């Protein structure tokens, strides 16, 4: 990545001698692995029907949905964090130190996030992402589980009136880098 100041912004740099070029890679992929490409009609969460203005590429995708909400029996107890407060990879010693796997395989990735939004809506994805990446939410969930009268039957693992969304470490890191460059995001309600 290359950066020259606030005026130029932050952008991805691909070397000119990178063979084959990105455009050629896409053409080759389209030639050998064609996918459906056209307008898509869909319904939003309010039940309104829309059609995309631009063509959208649709293709099959293998994925495995992972569950990571502390109110449910299938979730792990508490993920291991690295020094930046983000979920850490387990080492071999961690993986085999107990009879069960003590950490989820991974947090919600980009593809899983899009699919979750399409089926469950943005609040659900915000909840899962915050529980996975916000150390304050993480500590609060652990405390609420330990302090509960019946830890296997908790109505709410985290009180959103006390802990708001937006404290996730990856978001904090991105905001810090951008703020150093004089850039700040502002929230605008979706219409």
C-alpha atoms as a PDB file:
ATOM      1  CA  UNK A   1       0.000   0.000   0.000  1.00  0.00           C
ATOM      2  CA  UNK A   2       1.268   3.442  -0.803  1.00  0.00           C
ATOM      3  CA  UNK A   3       0.291   6.734   0.875  1.00  0.00           C
ATOM      4  CA  UNK A   4       1.186  10.295  -0.072  1.00  0.00           C
ATOM      5  CA  UNK A   5      -1.002  12.376   2.212  1.00  0.00           C
ATOM      6  CA  UNK A   6      -4.592  13.380   2.806  1.00  0.00           C
ATOM      7  CA  UNK A   7      -5.016  14.873  -0.672  1.00  0.00           C
ATOM      8  CA  UNK A   8      -4.164  11.600  -2.456  1.00  0.00           C
ATOM      9  CA  UNK A   9      -5.962   9.381   0.078  1.00  0.00           C
ATOM     10  CA  UNK A  10      -5.169   5.775   0.918  1.00  0.00           C
ATOM     11  CA  UNK A  11      -5.170   3.444  -2.040  1.00  0.00           C
ATOM     12  CA  UNK A  12      -4.026  -0.008  -3.097  1.00  0.00           C
ATOM     13  CA  UNK A  13      -0.923  -0.118  -5.291  1.00  0.00           C
ATOM     14  CA  UNK A  14      -0.448  -2.966  -7.790  1.00  0.00           C
ATOM     15  CA  UNK A  15       3.008  -3.051  -9.434  1.00  0.00           C
ATOM     16  CA  UNK A  16       2.992  -2.447 -13.216  1.00  0.00           C
ATOM     17  CA  UNK A  17       5.101  -5.551 -13.875  1.00  0.00           C
ATOM     18  CA  UNK A  18       2.551  -7.842 -12.193  1.00  0.00           C
ATOM     19  CA  UNK A  19       1.703 -10.545 -14.787  1.00  0.00           C
ATOM     20  CA  UNK A  20      -0.955 -11.185 -15.881  1.00  0.00           C
ATOM     21  CA  UNK A  21      -2.698  -7.859 -15.390  1.00  0.00           C
ATOM     22  CA  UNK A  22      -5.845  -7.776 -13.265  1.00  0.00           C
ATOM     23  CA  UNK A  23      -8.140  -7.082 -16.233  1.00  0.00           C
ATOM     24  CA  UNK A  24      -6.703 -10.084 -18.099  1.00  0.00           C
ATOM     25  CA  UNK A  25      -7.163 -12.319 -15.032  1.00  0.00           C
ATOM     26  CA  UNK A  26     -10.863 -11.373 -14.884  1.00  0.00           C
ATOM     27  CA  UNK A  27     -11.320 -12.023 -18.634  1.00  0.00           C
ATOM     28  CA  UNK A  28      -9.709 -15.451 -18.300  1.00  0.00           C
ATOM     29  CA  UNK A  29     -11.876 -16.348 -15.305  1.00  0.00           C
ATOM     30  CA  UNK A  30     -15.037 -15.271 -17.167  1.00  0.00           C
ATOM     31  CA  UNK A  31     -14.007 -17.333 -20.208  1.00  0.00           C
ATOM     32  CA  UNK A  32     -13.355 -20.577 -18.314  1.00  0.00           C
ATOM     33  CA  UNK A  33     -15.860 -20.167 -15.460  1.00  0.00           C
ATOM     34  CA  UNK A  34     -18.914 -18.270 -16.785  1.00  0.00           C
ATOM     35  CA  UNK A  35     -21.449 -17.087 -14.222  1.00  0.00           C
ATOM     36  CA  UNK A  36     -24.940 -15.590 -14.323  1.00  0.00           C
ATOM     37  CA  UNK A  37     -24.759 -11.858 -14.997  1.00  0.00           C
ATOM     38  CA  UNK A  38     -27.837  -9.635 -15.161  1.00  0.00           C
ATOM     39  CA  UNK A  39     -30.328  -7.514 -13.262  1.00  0.00           C
ATOM     40  CA  UNK A  40     -31.560  -8.892  -9.919  1.00  0.00           C
ATOM     41  CA  UNK A  41     -35.012  -8.391  -8.419  1.00  0.00           C
ATOM     42  CA  UNK A  42     -35.152  -8.565  -4.622  1.00  0.00           C
ATOM     43  CA  UNK A  43     -37.224  -7.549  -1.587  1.00  0.00           C
ATOM     44  CA  UNK A  44     -35.799  -5.451   1.213  1.00  0.00           C
ATOM     45  CA  UNK A  45     -36.548  -5.957   4.914  1.00  0.00           C
ATOM     46  CA  UNK A  46     -39.719  -3.828   4.575  1.00  0.00           C
ATOM     47  CA  UNK A  47     -41.080  -6.107   1.834  1.00  0.00           C
ATOM     48  CA  UNK A  48     -40.605  -3.576  -0.986  1.00  0.00           C
ATOM     49  CA  UNK A  49     -39.557  -5.049  -4.357  1.00  0.00           C
ATOM     50  CA  UNK A  50     -36.579  -3.526  -6.175  1.00  0.00           C
ATOM     51  CA  UNK A  51     -34.534  -4.313  -9.270  1.00  0.00           C
ATOM     52  CA  UNK A  52     -30.860  -3.431  -9.542  1.00  0.00           C
ATOM     53  CA  UNK A  53     -29.984  -0.688 -12.035  1.00  0.00           C
ATOM     54  CA  UNK A  54     -26.721  -2.386 -12.958  1.00  0.00           C
ATOM     55  CA  UNK A  55     -26.058  -6.008 -13.819  1.00  0.00           C
ATOM     56  CA  UNK A  56     -24.996  -8.218 -10.915  1.00  0.00           C
ATOM     57  CA  UNK A  57     -22.841 -11.319 -11.142  1.00  0.00           C
ATOM     58  CA  UNK A  58     -24.328 -14.397  -9.463  1.00  0.00           C
ATOM     59  CA  UNK A  59     -22.443 -17.652  -8.998  1.00  0.00           C
ATOM     60  CA  UNK A  60     -22.522 -20.676  -6.743  1.00  0.00           C
ATOM     61  CA  UNK A  61     -20.509 -20.407  -3.569  1.00  0.00           C
ATOM     62  CA  UNK A  62     -19.494 -23.037  -1.045  1.00  0.00           C
ATOM     63  CA  UNK A  63     -19.666 -21.786   2.504  1.00  0.00           C
ATOM     64  CA  UNK A  64     -20.134 -23.029   6.019  1.00  0.00           C
ATOM     65  CA  UNK A  65     -22.200 -20.907   8.393  1.00  0.00           C
ATOM     66  CA  UNK A  66     -20.707 -20.655  11.854  1.00  0.00           C
ATOM     67  CA  UNK A  67     -22.676 -19.799  14.948  1.00  0.00           C
ATOM     68  CA  UNK A  68     -21.085 -17.523  17.534  1.00  0.00           C
ATOM     69  CA  UNK A  69     -23.694 -16.017  19.817  1.00  0.00           C
ATOM     70  CA  UNK A  70     -23.200 -16.559  23.569  1.00  0.00           C
ATOM     71  CA  UNK A  71     -26.910 -17.049  24.312  1.00  0.00           C
ATOM     72  CA  UNK A  72     -26.875 -20.370  22.432  1.00  0.00           C
ATOM     73  CA  UNK A  73     -25.432 -23.762  23.399  1.00  0.00           C
ATOM     74  CA  UNK A  74     -23.414 -24.149  20.169  1.00  0.00           C
ATOM     75  CA  UNK A  75     -21.137 -21.151  20.799  1.00  0.00           C
ATOM     76  CA  UNK A  76     -17.649 -21.395  22.279  1.00  0.00           C
ATOM     77  CA  UNK A  77     -17.019 -20.169  25.806  1.00  0.00           C
ATOM     78  CA  UNK A  78     -14.682 -17.248  25.193  1.00  0.00           C
ATOM     79  CA  UNK A  79     -12.360 -16.557  22.291  1.00  0.00           C
ATOM     80  CA  UNK A  80      -8.620 -15.984  22.657  1.00  0.00           C
ATOM     81  CA  UNK A  81      -7.564 -12.416  21.814  1.00  0.00           C
ATOM     82  CA  UNK A  82      -4.255 -11.170  20.456  1.00  0.00           C
ATOM     83  CA  UNK A  83      -2.495  -8.056  21.757  1.00  0.00           C
ATOM     84  CA  UNK A  84      -4.634  -5.671  19.628  1.00  0.00           C
ATOM     85  CA  UNK A  85      -7.851  -7.076  21.119  1.00  0.00           C
ATOM     86  CA  UNK A  86      -8.851  -8.965  17.957  1.00  0.00           C
ATOM     87  CA  UNK A  87      -9.675 -12.684  17.902  1.00  0.00           C
ATOM     88  CA  UNK A  88      -6.410 -14.617  17.667  1.00  0.00           C
ATOM     89  CA  UNK A  89      -5.472 -17.772  15.798  1.00  0.00           C
ATOM     90  CA  UNK A  90      -5.130 -20.790  18.053  1.00  0.00           C
ATOM     91  CA  UNK A  91      -1.688 -22.357  18.278  1.00  0.00           C
ATOM     92  CA  UNK A  92      -1.211 -26.145  18.198  1.00  0.00           C
ATOM     93  CA  UNK A  93      -0.758 -26.068  21.973  1.00  0.00           C
ATOM     94  CA  UNK A  94      -4.115 -24.239  22.352  1.00  0.00           C
ATOM     95  CA  UNK A  95      -5.972 -26.542  19.952  1.00  0.00           C
ATOM     96  CA  UNK A  96      -5.025 -29.766  21.673  1.00  0.00           C
ATOM     97  CA  UNK A  97      -4.823 -28.616  25.296  1.00  0.00           C
ATOM     98  CA  UNK A  98      -8.496 -29.453  25.964  1.00  0.00           C
ATOM     99  CA  UNK A  99     -10.881 -32.143  24.731  1.00  0.00           C
ATOM    100  CA  UNK A 100     -13.058 -29.608  22.908  1.00  0.00           C
ATOM    101  CA  UNK A 101     -12.156 -26.729  20.614  1.00  0.00           C
ATOM    102  CA  UNK A 102     -12.295 -23.602  22.749  1.00  0.00           C
ATOM    103  CA  UNK A 103     -12.558 -21.127  19.922  1.00  0.00           C
ATOM    104  CA  UNK A 104     -14.720 -20.712  16.875  1.00  0.00           C
ATOM    105  CA  UNK A 105     -13.075 -21.500  13.527  1.00  0.00           C
ATOM    106  CA  UNK A 106     -13.289 -17.837  12.467  1.00  0.00           C
ATOM    107  CA  UNK A 107     -15.319 -14.692  12.872  1.00  0.00           C
ATOM    108  CA  UNK A 108     -17.837 -13.634  10.229  1.00  0.00           C
ATOM    109  CA  UNK A 109     -16.012 -13.153   6.931  1.00  0.00           C
ATOM    110  CA  UNK A 110     -17.004 -10.801   4.128  1.00  0.00           C
ATOM    111  CA  UNK A 111     -19.097 -13.362   2.265  1.00  0.00           C
ATOM    112  CA  UNK A 112     -20.830 -14.725   5.365  1.00  0.00           C
ATOM    113  CA  UNK A 113     -21.564 -11.150   6.435  1.00  0.00           C
ATOM    114  CA  UNK A 114     -23.298 -10.331   3.143  1.00  0.00           C
ATOM    115  CA  UNK A 115     -25.395 -13.484   3.303  1.00  0.00           C
ATOM    116  CA  UNK A 116     -26.305 -12.875   6.957  1.00  0.00           C
ATOM    117  CA  UNK A 117     -27.387  -9.311   6.108  1.00  0.00           C
ATOM    118  CA  UNK A 118     -29.569 -10.565   3.256  1.00  0.00           C
ATOM    119  CA  UNK A 119     -31.312 -13.138   5.482  1.00  0.00           C
ATOM    120  CA  UNK A 120     -31.197 -11.665   8.981  1.00  0.00           C
ATOM    121  CA  UNK A 121     -30.688  -7.915   8.460  1.00  0.00           C
ATOM    122  CA  UNK A 122     -28.006  -5.467   9.518  1.00  0.00           C
ATOM    123  CA  UNK A 123     -28.719  -5.484  13.288  1.00  0.00           C
ATOM    124  CA  UNK A 124     -27.984  -9.221  13.502  1.00  0.00           C
ATOM    125  CA  UNK A 125     -24.635  -8.860  11.719  1.00  0.00           C
ATOM    126  CA  UNK A 126     -23.734  -5.831  13.844  1.00  0.00           C
ATOM    127  CA  UNK A 127     -24.459  -7.936  16.947  1.00  0.00           C
ATOM    128  CA  UNK A 128     -22.326 -10.882  15.834  1.00  0.00           C
ATOM    129  CA  UNK A 129     -19.449  -8.651  14.690  1.00  0.00           C
ATOM    130  CA  UNK A 130     -19.492  -6.641  17.916  1.00  0.00           C
ATOM    131  CA  UNK A 131     -19.534  -9.770  20.081  1.00  0.00           C
ATOM    132  CA  UNK A 132     -16.566 -11.164  18.173  1.00  0.00           C
ATOM    133  CA  UNK A 133     -14.415  -8.029  18.041  1.00  0.00           C
ATOM    134  CA  UNK A 134     -15.295  -5.663  20.894  1.00  0.00           C
ATOM    135  CA  UNK A 135     -13.243  -6.408  24.047  1.00  0.00           C
ATOM    136  CA  UNK A 136     -15.714  -4.486  26.254  1.00  0.00           C
ATOM    137  CA  UNK A 137     -18.661  -6.508  24.915  1.00  0.00           C
ATOM    138  CA  UNK A 138     -16.571  -9.668  25.273  1.00  0.00           C
ATOM    139  CA  UNK A 139     -15.806  -8.980  28.949  1.00  0.00           C
ATOM    140  CA  UNK A 140     -19.441  -8.068  29.628  1.00  0.00           C
ATOM    141  CA  UNK A 141     -20.716 -11.328  28.088  1.00  0.00           C
ATOM    142  CA  UNK A 142     -18.232 -13.394  30.108  1.00  0.00           C
ATOM    143  CA  UNK A 143     -19.221 -11.565  33.309  1.00  0.00           C
ATOM    144  CA  UNK A 144     -22.955 -11.998  32.597  1.00  0.00           C
ATOM    145  CA  UNK A 145     -22.490 -15.734  31.994  1.00  0.00           C
ATOM    146  CA  UNK A 146     -20.458 -16.166  35.200  1.00  0.00           C
ATOM    147  CA  UNK A 147     -22.863 -14.003  37.236  1.00  0.00           C
ATOM    148  CA  UNK A 148     -26.083 -15.575  35.905  1.00  0.00           C
ATOM    149  CA  UNK A 149     -28.360 -17.631  38.155  1.00  0.00           C
ATOM    150  CA  UNK A 150     -28.705 -20.157  35.326  1.00  0.00           C
ATOM    151  CA  UNK A 151     -25.766 -19.710  32.880  1.00  0.00           C
ATOM    152  CA  UNK A 152     -27.264 -22.067  30.278  1.00  0.00           C
ATOM    153  CA  UNK A 153     -30.468 -19.998  30.050  1.00  0.00           C
ATOM    154  CA  UNK A 154     -29.587 -16.297  29.656  1.00  0.00           C
ATOM    155  CA  UNK A 155     -32.123 -14.025  27.977  1.00  0.00           C
ATOM    156  CA  UNK A 156     -29.550 -11.410  26.943  1.00  0.00           C
ATOM    157  CA  UNK A 157     -25.804 -11.972  27.064  1.00  0.00           C
ATOM    158  CA  UNK A 158     -25.100  -8.244  26.667  1.00  0.00           C
ATOM    159  CA  UNK A 159     -27.212  -5.202  27.575  1.00  0.00           C
ATOM    160  CA  UNK A 160     -27.159  -2.878  24.538  1.00  0.00           C
ATOM    161  CA  UNK A 161     -28.467   0.009  26.659  1.00  0.00           C
ATOM    162  CA  UNK A 162     -25.132  -0.093  28.517  1.00  0.00           C
ATOM    163  CA  UNK A 163     -22.730  -1.157  25.751  1.00  0.00           C
ATOM    164  CA  UNK A 164     -23.284   0.453  22.357  1.00  0.00           C
ATOM    165  CA  UNK A 165     -22.115  -0.840  18.991  1.00  0.00           C
ATOM    166  CA  UNK A 166     -18.987   0.559  17.340  1.00  0.00           C
ATOM    167  CA  UNK A 167     -16.286  -0.380  19.839  1.00  0.00           C
ATOM    168  CA  UNK A 168     -14.893  -3.259  17.768  1.00  0.00           C
ATOM    169  CA  UNK A 169     -11.090  -3.274  17.673  1.00  0.00           C
ATOM    170  CA  UNK A 170     -10.777  -3.576  13.862  1.00  0.00           C
ATOM    171  CA  UNK A 171     -13.026  -0.508  13.496  1.00  0.00           C
ATOM    172  CA  UNK A 172     -10.971   1.352  16.111  1.00  0.00           C
ATOM    173  CA  UNK A 173      -7.733   0.481  14.276  1.00  0.00           C
ATOM    174  CA  UNK A 174      -9.094   1.645  10.890  1.00  0.00           C
ATOM    175  CA  UNK A 175     -10.488   4.842  12.431  1.00  0.00           C
ATOM    176  CA  UNK A 176      -7.123   5.519  14.082  1.00  0.00           C
ATOM    177  CA  UNK A 177      -5.183   5.120  10.804  1.00  0.00           C
ATOM    178  CA  UNK A 178      -7.672   7.320   8.945  1.00  0.00           C
ATOM    179  CA  UNK A 179      -7.711   9.949  11.697  1.00  0.00           C
ATOM    180  CA  UNK A 180      -3.896  10.154  11.444  1.00  0.00           C
ATOM    181  CA  UNK A 181      -4.472  10.997   7.768  1.00  0.00           C
ATOM    182  CA  UNK A 182      -7.088  13.641   8.660  1.00  0.00           C
ATOM    183  CA  UNK A 183     -10.065  11.490   7.581  1.00  0.00           C
ATOM    184  CA  UNK A 184     -13.074  10.758   9.771  1.00  0.00           C
ATOM    185  CA  UNK A 185     -16.162   8.648   9.023  1.00  0.00           C
ATOM    186  CA  UNK A 186     -19.591   9.973   9.910  1.00  0.00           C
ATOM    187  CA  UNK A 187     -22.707   7.824  10.296  1.00  0.00           C
ATOM    188  CA  UNK A 188     -25.726   8.458   8.065  1.00  0.00           C
ATOM    189  CA  UNK A 189     -28.991   6.603   8.720  1.00  0.00           C
ATOM    190  CA  UNK A 190     -30.017   4.319   5.850  1.00  0.00           C
ATOM    191  CA  UNK A 191     -33.288   5.330   4.197  1.00  0.00           C
END
